[in-house]
Amino acid sequence: MSIIYRPTGRAGEYSEYAVNLSGGCDHLCAYYFSPLARHVDRKAFYAAGATPYQDVLKKLAADCRRLQGTITTPIMLSFTEKITT
């Protein structure tokens, strides 16, 4: 399974490729867009906390090896798409 992906929707306007290393967040920023983008209650989103995806660094390293030389644009970090592991 790839951890580096092509964002869909409006997120694709900002970057051709993206990667999320974890799900959720526990910083409680009032302006954070992710709960709204995911259509979840803000309090529930923050209560779940930040959780690193399983084997995320191993998957990221494998993707980097596989994609080496094919991506010429920056890879955006921490988009809101859910990555299933």
C-alpha atoms as a PDB file:
ATOM      1  CA  MET A   1       0.000   0.000   0.000  1.00  0.00           C
ATOM      2  CA  SER A   2       1.270   3.464  -0.915  1.00  0.00           C
ATOM      3  CA  ILE A   3       1.613   6.178   1.704  1.00  0.00           C
ATOM      4  CA  ILE A   4       2.428   8.834  -0.931  1.00  0.00           C
ATOM      5  CA  TYR A   5      -0.734   9.631  -2.878  1.00  0.00           C
ATOM      6  CA  ARG A   6      -2.272  12.131  -5.309  1.00  0.00           C
ATOM      7  CA  PRO A   7      -4.668  14.439  -3.435  1.00  0.00           C
ATOM      8  CA  THR A   8      -8.189  14.651  -4.820  1.00  0.00           C
ATOM      9  CA  GLY A   9     -10.577  17.576  -4.920  1.00  0.00           C
ATOM     10  CA  ARG A  10      -9.394  21.046  -4.001  1.00  0.00           C
ATOM     11  CA  ALA A  11      -6.315  19.698  -2.223  1.00  0.00           C
ATOM     12  CA  GLY A  12      -4.891  18.809  -5.642  1.00  0.00           C
ATOM     13  CA  GLU A  13      -4.564  22.531  -6.375  1.00  0.00           C
ATOM     14  CA  TYR A  14      -1.773  22.798  -3.818  1.00  0.00           C
ATOM     15  CA  SER A  15       0.346  19.786  -4.598  1.00  0.00           C
ATOM     16  CA  GLU A  16       0.434  16.863  -7.029  1.00  0.00           C
ATOM     17  CA  TYR A  17       1.515  14.487  -4.260  1.00  0.00           C
ATOM     18  CA  ALA A  18       0.934  14.302  -0.515  1.00  0.00           C
ATOM     19  CA  VAL A  19       1.691  12.124   2.495  1.00  0.00           C
ATOM     20  CA  ASN A  20       0.137  11.873   5.958  1.00  0.00           C
ATOM     21  CA  LEU A  21       2.281  10.307   8.639  1.00  0.00           C
ATOM     22  CA  SER A  22      -0.477  10.207  11.242  1.00  0.00           C
ATOM     23  CA  GLY A  23      -4.178  10.615  11.689  1.00  0.00           C
ATOM     24  CA  GLY A  24      -5.812  13.123  13.976  1.00  0.00           C
ATOM     25  CA  CYS A  25      -4.313  15.950  15.979  1.00  0.00           C
ATOM     26  CA  ASP A  26      -4.152  16.964  19.617  1.00  0.00           C
ATOM     27  CA  HIS A  27      -3.053  20.616  19.384  1.00  0.00           C
ATOM     28  CA  LEU A  28      -6.629  21.966  19.712  1.00  0.00           C
ATOM     29  CA  CYS A  29      -6.095  24.763  17.162  1.00  0.00           C
ATOM     30  CA  ALA A  30      -9.382  26.650  16.696  1.00  0.00           C
ATOM     31  CA  TYR A  31      -8.580  27.413  13.030  1.00  0.00           C
ATOM     32  CA  TYR A  32      -7.614  23.863  11.987  1.00  0.00           C
ATOM     33  CA  PHE A  33      -9.527  22.833   8.851  1.00  0.00           C
ATOM     34  CA  SER A  34      -9.307  19.040   9.115  1.00  0.00           C
ATOM     35  CA  PRO A  35     -12.415  18.379  11.266  1.00  0.00           C
ATOM     36  CA  LEU A  36     -14.498  20.477   8.864  1.00  0.00           C
ATOM     37  CA  ALA A  37     -12.965  18.830   5.782  1.00  0.00           C
ATOM     38  CA  ARG A  38     -13.616  15.364   7.218  1.00  0.00           C
ATOM     39  CA  HIS A  39     -17.128  16.291   8.398  1.00  0.00           C
ATOM     40  CA  VAL A  40     -16.470  15.282  11.994  1.00  0.00           C
ATOM     41  CA  ASP A  41     -17.206  17.014  15.273  1.00  0.00           C
ATOM     42  CA  ARG A  42     -14.232  19.174  16.299  1.00  0.00           C
ATOM     43  CA  LYS A  43     -14.292  18.008  19.943  1.00  0.00           C
ATOM     44  CA  ALA A  44     -14.403  14.343  18.905  1.00  0.00           C
ATOM     45  CA  PHE A  45     -11.594  14.903  16.406  1.00  0.00           C
ATOM     46  CA  TYR A  46      -9.284  16.365  19.052  1.00  0.00           C
ATOM     47  CA  ALA A  47     -10.347  13.815  21.687  1.00  0.00           C
ATOM     48  CA  ALA A  48      -9.092  11.017  19.412  1.00  0.00           C
ATOM     49  CA  GLY A  49      -5.601  12.568  19.468  1.00  0.00           C
ATOM     50  CA  ALA A  50      -2.817  12.071  16.934  1.00  0.00           C
ATOM     51  CA  THR A  51      -1.956   8.505  16.027  1.00  0.00           C
ATOM     52  CA  PRO A  52       0.951   7.548  13.739  1.00  0.00           C
ATOM     53  CA  TYR A  53      -0.088   5.149  10.986  1.00  0.00           C
ATOM     54  CA  GLN A  54       1.173   1.584  11.374  1.00  0.00           C
ATOM     55  CA  ASP A  55       4.599   1.026   9.753  1.00  0.00           C
ATOM     56  CA  VAL A  56       4.418   4.530   8.266  1.00  0.00           C
ATOM     57  CA  LEU A  57       8.186   5.024   7.954  1.00  0.00           C
ATOM     58  CA  LYS A  58       8.679   1.624   6.344  1.00  0.00           C
ATOM     59  CA  LYS A  59       5.890   2.393   3.849  1.00  0.00           C
ATOM     60  CA  LEU A  60       7.287   5.870   3.181  1.00  0.00           C
ATOM     61  CA  ALA A  61      10.770   4.464   2.512  1.00  0.00           C
ATOM     62  CA  ALA A  62       9.320   1.868   0.118  1.00  0.00           C
ATOM     63  CA  ASP A  63       7.354   4.550  -1.743  1.00  0.00           C
ATOM     64  CA  CYS A  64      10.431   6.773  -1.994  1.00  0.00           C
ATOM     65  CA  ARG A  65      12.439   3.937  -3.517  1.00  0.00           C
ATOM     66  CA  ARG A  66       9.614   3.048  -5.918  1.00  0.00           C
ATOM     67  CA  LEU A  67       8.958   6.645  -6.982  1.00  0.00           C
ATOM     68  CA  GLN A  68      12.571   7.837  -7.078  1.00  0.00           C
ATOM     69  CA  GLY A  69      13.133   9.918 -10.197  1.00  0.00           C
ATOM     70  CA  THR A  70       9.448  10.055 -11.161  1.00  0.00           C
ATOM     71  CA  ILE A  71       8.224  12.915  -8.938  1.00  0.00           C
ATOM     72  CA  THR A  72       9.663  16.318  -9.759  1.00  0.00           C
ATOM     73  CA  THR A  73       7.395  18.441  -7.553  1.00  0.00           C
ATOM     74  CA  PRO A  74       7.317  18.866  -3.765  1.00  0.00           C
ATOM     75  CA  ILE A  75       5.317  16.387  -1.692  1.00  0.00           C
ATOM     76  CA  MET A  76       2.898  18.119   0.676  1.00  0.00           C
ATOM     77  CA  LEU A  77       2.815  16.837   4.254  1.00  0.00           C
ATOM     78  CA  SER A  78      -0.281  16.473   6.452  1.00  0.00           C
ATOM     79  CA  PHE A  79      -3.200  16.728   4.065  1.00  0.00           C
ATOM     80  CA  THR A  80      -6.557  15.644   5.451  1.00  0.00           C
ATOM     81  CA  GLU A  81      -7.233  12.526   3.375  1.00  0.00           C
ATOM     82  CA  LYS A  82      -7.548   9.365   5.390  1.00  0.00           C
ATOM     83  CA  ILE A  83      -4.934   6.748   4.642  1.00  0.00           C
ATOM     84  CA  THR A  84      -5.936   3.224   5.552  1.00  0.00           C
ATOM     85  CA  THR A  85      -3.191   0.980   6.814  1.00  0.00           C
END
